[in-house]
Amino acid sequence: MTDDWRDALQNAGELTPSIVQRILTEHGDRGQRAIEAVSERRVKEYNDFTVVVGHHDEYVVENGGCHCQDSTYNIDTDQGQRCWHALAADIAHAIDELDHHDMYYSDVRDFI
């Protein structure tokens, strides 16, 4: 099952129970955390980046990748693994559940 849930999600336009199960089967806890982030509207779309708000930090997802510690140290991209931040961004984009901000995240980070 290599990412077939993505096509189903794109076609459905929503997280159906069967799609949720497919995500959980393929990605386990990372999939669960991604679904929770989307349902809690913690995926933000800026003019320059998609940002997923975690419990301790914000994570920039760019070109399908993330620079979090999980991605850096634990993920085997050759096996199709992705961190929950990248999964959340994919899910939120597919069902348009993004918190849109008409500004640049790089400008926001200057204030933090």
C-alpha atoms as a PDB file:
ATOM      1  CA  MET A   1       0.000   0.000   0.000  1.00  0.00           C
ATOM      2  CA  THR A   2       2.194   2.850  -1.162  1.00  0.00           C
ATOM      3  CA  ASP A   3       0.350   6.116  -0.725  1.00  0.00           C
ATOM      4  CA  ASP A   4      -2.856   4.919  -2.403  1.00  0.00           C
ATOM      5  CA  TRP A   5      -4.715   6.737   0.381  1.00  0.00           C
ATOM      6  CA  ARG A   6      -3.524  10.012  -1.162  1.00  0.00           C
ATOM      7  CA  ASP A   7      -5.481   9.440  -4.374  1.00  0.00           C
ATOM      8  CA  ALA A   8      -8.534   8.317  -2.412  1.00  0.00           C
ATOM      9  CA  LEU A   9      -8.277  11.410  -0.196  1.00  0.00           C
ATOM     10  CA  GLN A  10      -7.906  13.723  -3.170  1.00  0.00           C
ATOM     11  CA  ASN A  11     -10.964  12.163  -4.832  1.00  0.00           C
ATOM     12  CA  ALA A  12     -13.104  12.144  -1.675  1.00  0.00           C
ATOM     13  CA  GLY A  13     -12.122  15.631  -0.560  1.00  0.00           C
ATOM     14  CA  GLU A  14     -12.557  14.581   3.051  1.00  0.00           C
ATOM     15  CA  LEU A  15     -11.235  12.160   5.628  1.00  0.00           C
ATOM     16  CA  THR A  16     -13.587   9.201   5.432  1.00  0.00           C
ATOM     17  CA  PRO A  17     -13.342   6.326   7.931  1.00  0.00           C
ATOM     18  CA  SER A  18     -11.800   4.034   5.308  1.00  0.00           C
ATOM     19  CA  ILE A  19      -9.171   6.625   4.354  1.00  0.00           C
ATOM     20  CA  VAL A  20      -8.342   7.253   8.012  1.00  0.00           C
ATOM     21  CA  GLN A  21      -7.860   3.506   8.458  1.00  0.00           C
ATOM     22  CA  ARG A  22      -5.564   3.350   5.435  1.00  0.00           C
ATOM     23  CA  ILE A  23      -3.454   6.221   6.796  1.00  0.00           C
ATOM     24  CA  LEU A  24      -3.248   4.581  10.214  1.00  0.00           C
ATOM     25  CA  THR A  25      -2.357   1.195   8.718  1.00  0.00           C
ATOM     26  CA  GLU A  26       0.441   2.667   6.625  1.00  0.00           C
ATOM     27  CA  HIS A  27       1.802   5.284   9.035  1.00  0.00           C
ATOM     28  CA  GLY A  28       0.711   4.222  12.535  1.00  0.00           C
ATOM     29  CA  ASP A  29       1.283   6.803  15.270  1.00  0.00           C
ATOM     30  CA  ARG A  30       2.654   9.329  12.779  1.00  0.00           C
ATOM     31  CA  GLY A  31      -0.590   9.061  10.814  1.00  0.00           C
ATOM     32  CA  GLN A  32      -2.644   9.498  13.985  1.00  0.00           C
ATOM     33  CA  ARG A  33      -0.725  12.617  14.980  1.00  0.00           C
ATOM     34  CA  ALA A  34      -1.100  14.019  11.459  1.00  0.00           C
ATOM     35  CA  ILE A  35      -4.865  13.477  11.456  1.00  0.00           C
ATOM     36  CA  GLU A  36      -5.135  15.124  14.882  1.00  0.00           C
ATOM     37  CA  ALA A  37      -3.150  18.156  13.700  1.00  0.00           C
ATOM     38  CA  VAL A  38      -5.442  18.579  10.688  1.00  0.00           C
ATOM     39  CA  SER A  39      -8.605  18.192  12.757  1.00  0.00           C
ATOM     40  CA  GLU A  40      -7.276  20.767  15.245  1.00  0.00           C
ATOM     41  CA  ARG A  41      -6.446  23.184  12.372  1.00  0.00           C
ATOM     42  CA  ARG A  42      -2.745  23.227  13.253  1.00  0.00           C
ATOM     43  CA  VAL A  43      -1.651  23.250   9.609  1.00  0.00           C
ATOM     44  CA  LYS A  44      -1.042  26.793   8.441  1.00  0.00           C
ATOM     45  CA  GLU A  45      -0.494  27.956   4.908  1.00  0.00           C
ATOM     46  CA  TYR A  46       1.652  31.049   4.437  1.00  0.00           C
ATOM     47  CA  ASN A  47       2.736  32.653   1.172  1.00  0.00           C
ATOM     48  CA  ASP A  48       6.116  30.946   1.387  1.00  0.00           C
ATOM     49  CA  PHE A  49       5.674  27.770   3.472  1.00  0.00           C
ATOM     50  CA  THR A  50       3.283  25.317   5.013  1.00  0.00           C
ATOM     51  CA  VAL A  51       3.778  25.190   8.775  1.00  0.00           C
ATOM     52  CA  VAL A  52       2.563  22.515  11.176  1.00  0.00           C
ATOM     53  CA  VAL A  53       2.181  23.578  14.774  1.00  0.00           C
ATOM     54  CA  GLY A  54       3.472  20.921  17.143  1.00  0.00           C
ATOM     55  CA  HIS A  55       3.243  20.846  20.917  1.00  0.00           C
ATOM     56  CA  HIS A  56       6.664  22.459  21.406  1.00  0.00           C
ATOM     57  CA  ASP A  57       7.547  24.132  18.121  1.00  0.00           C
ATOM     58  CA  GLU A  58       6.400  24.942  14.603  1.00  0.00           C
ATOM     59  CA  TYR A  59       7.685  22.828  11.717  1.00  0.00           C
ATOM     60  CA  VAL A  60       8.161  24.079   8.173  1.00  0.00           C
ATOM     61  CA  VAL A  61       7.150  21.582   5.509  1.00  0.00           C
ATOM     62  CA  GLU A  62       8.636  22.393   2.142  1.00  0.00           C
ATOM     63  CA  ASN A  63       8.566  20.303  -1.038  1.00  0.00           C
ATOM     64  CA  GLY A  64       7.100  17.394   0.919  1.00  0.00           C
ATOM     65  CA  GLY A  65       9.928  17.341   3.422  1.00  0.00           C
ATOM     66  CA  CYS A  66      10.433  18.498   6.981  1.00  0.00           C
ATOM     67  CA  HIS A  67      13.547  19.255   8.985  1.00  0.00           C
ATOM     68  CA  CYS A  68      12.281  17.929  12.310  1.00  0.00           C
ATOM     69  CA  GLN A  69      14.396  15.497  14.327  1.00  0.00           C
ATOM     70  CA  ASP A  70      12.151  12.568  13.373  1.00  0.00           C
ATOM     71  CA  SER A  71      12.800  13.214   9.663  1.00  0.00           C
ATOM     72  CA  THR A  72      16.483  13.791  10.253  1.00  0.00           C
ATOM     73  CA  TYR A  73      17.192  10.719  12.383  1.00  0.00           C
ATOM     74  CA  ASN A  74      14.392   8.156  12.074  1.00  0.00           C
ATOM     75  CA  ILE A  75      12.730   8.354   8.676  1.00  0.00           C
ATOM     76  CA  ASP A  76      13.658   6.062   5.803  1.00  0.00           C
ATOM     77  CA  THR A  77      12.379   7.952   2.772  1.00  0.00           C
ATOM     78  CA  ASP A  78      13.344   5.017   0.541  1.00  0.00           C
ATOM     79  CA  GLN A  79      10.641   3.056   2.372  1.00  0.00           C
ATOM     80  CA  GLY A  80       8.061   5.823   1.895  1.00  0.00           C
ATOM     81  CA  GLN A  81       8.210   6.941   5.519  1.00  0.00           C
ATOM     82  CA  ARG A  82       7.419  10.552   6.410  1.00  0.00           C
ATOM     83  CA  CYS A  83       7.172  12.475   9.638  1.00  0.00           C
ATOM     84  CA  TRP A  84       3.748  13.397  10.946  1.00  0.00           C
ATOM     85  CA  HIS A  85       4.284  17.055  10.021  1.00  0.00           C
ATOM     86  CA  ALA A  86       4.712  16.208   6.338  1.00  0.00           C
ATOM     87  CA  LEU A  87       1.753  13.827   6.469  1.00  0.00           C
ATOM     88  CA  ALA A  88      -0.413  16.503   8.103  1.00  0.00           C
ATOM     89  CA  ALA A  89       0.529  18.992   5.374  1.00  0.00           C
ATOM     90  CA  ASP A  90      -0.391  16.460   2.664  1.00  0.00           C
ATOM     91  CA  ILE A  91      -3.737  15.675   4.278  1.00  0.00           C
ATOM     92  CA  ALA A  92      -4.628  19.326   4.918  1.00  0.00           C
ATOM     93  CA  HIS A  93      -3.769  20.317   1.344  1.00  0.00           C
ATOM     94  CA  ALA A  94      -5.818  17.466  -0.119  1.00  0.00           C
ATOM     95  CA  ILE A  95      -8.970  18.390   1.789  1.00  0.00           C
ATOM     96  CA  ASP A  96      -8.342  22.156   1.971  1.00  0.00           C
ATOM     97  CA  GLU A  97      -8.239  22.222   5.759  1.00  0.00           C
ATOM     98  CA  LEU A  98      -5.467  24.776   5.941  1.00  0.00           C
ATOM     99  CA  ASP A  99      -5.408  27.820   8.182  1.00  0.00           C
ATOM    100  CA  HIS A 100      -4.553  30.401   5.495  1.00  0.00           C
ATOM    101  CA  HIS A 101      -2.407  33.418   6.328  1.00  0.00           C
ATOM    102  CA  ASP A 102      -1.783  36.029   3.646  1.00  0.00           C
ATOM    103  CA  MET A 103       1.732  36.799   4.853  1.00  0.00           C
ATOM    104  CA  TYR A 104       5.187  35.316   4.704  1.00  0.00           C
ATOM    105  CA  TYR A 105       6.180  32.913   7.447  1.00  0.00           C
ATOM    106  CA  SER A 106       9.762  34.135   7.204  1.00  0.00           C
ATOM    107  CA  ASP A 107       8.447  37.566   8.313  1.00  0.00           C
ATOM    108  CA  VAL A 108       6.448  36.027  11.181  1.00  0.00           C
ATOM    109  CA  ARG A 109       9.482  34.118  12.460  1.00  0.00           C
ATOM    110  CA  ASP A 110      11.383  37.420  12.772  1.00  0.00           C
ATOM    111  CA  PHE A 111       8.932  38.468  15.492  1.00  0.00           C
ATOM    112  CA  ILE A 112       9.086  35.227  17.460  1.00  0.00           C
END
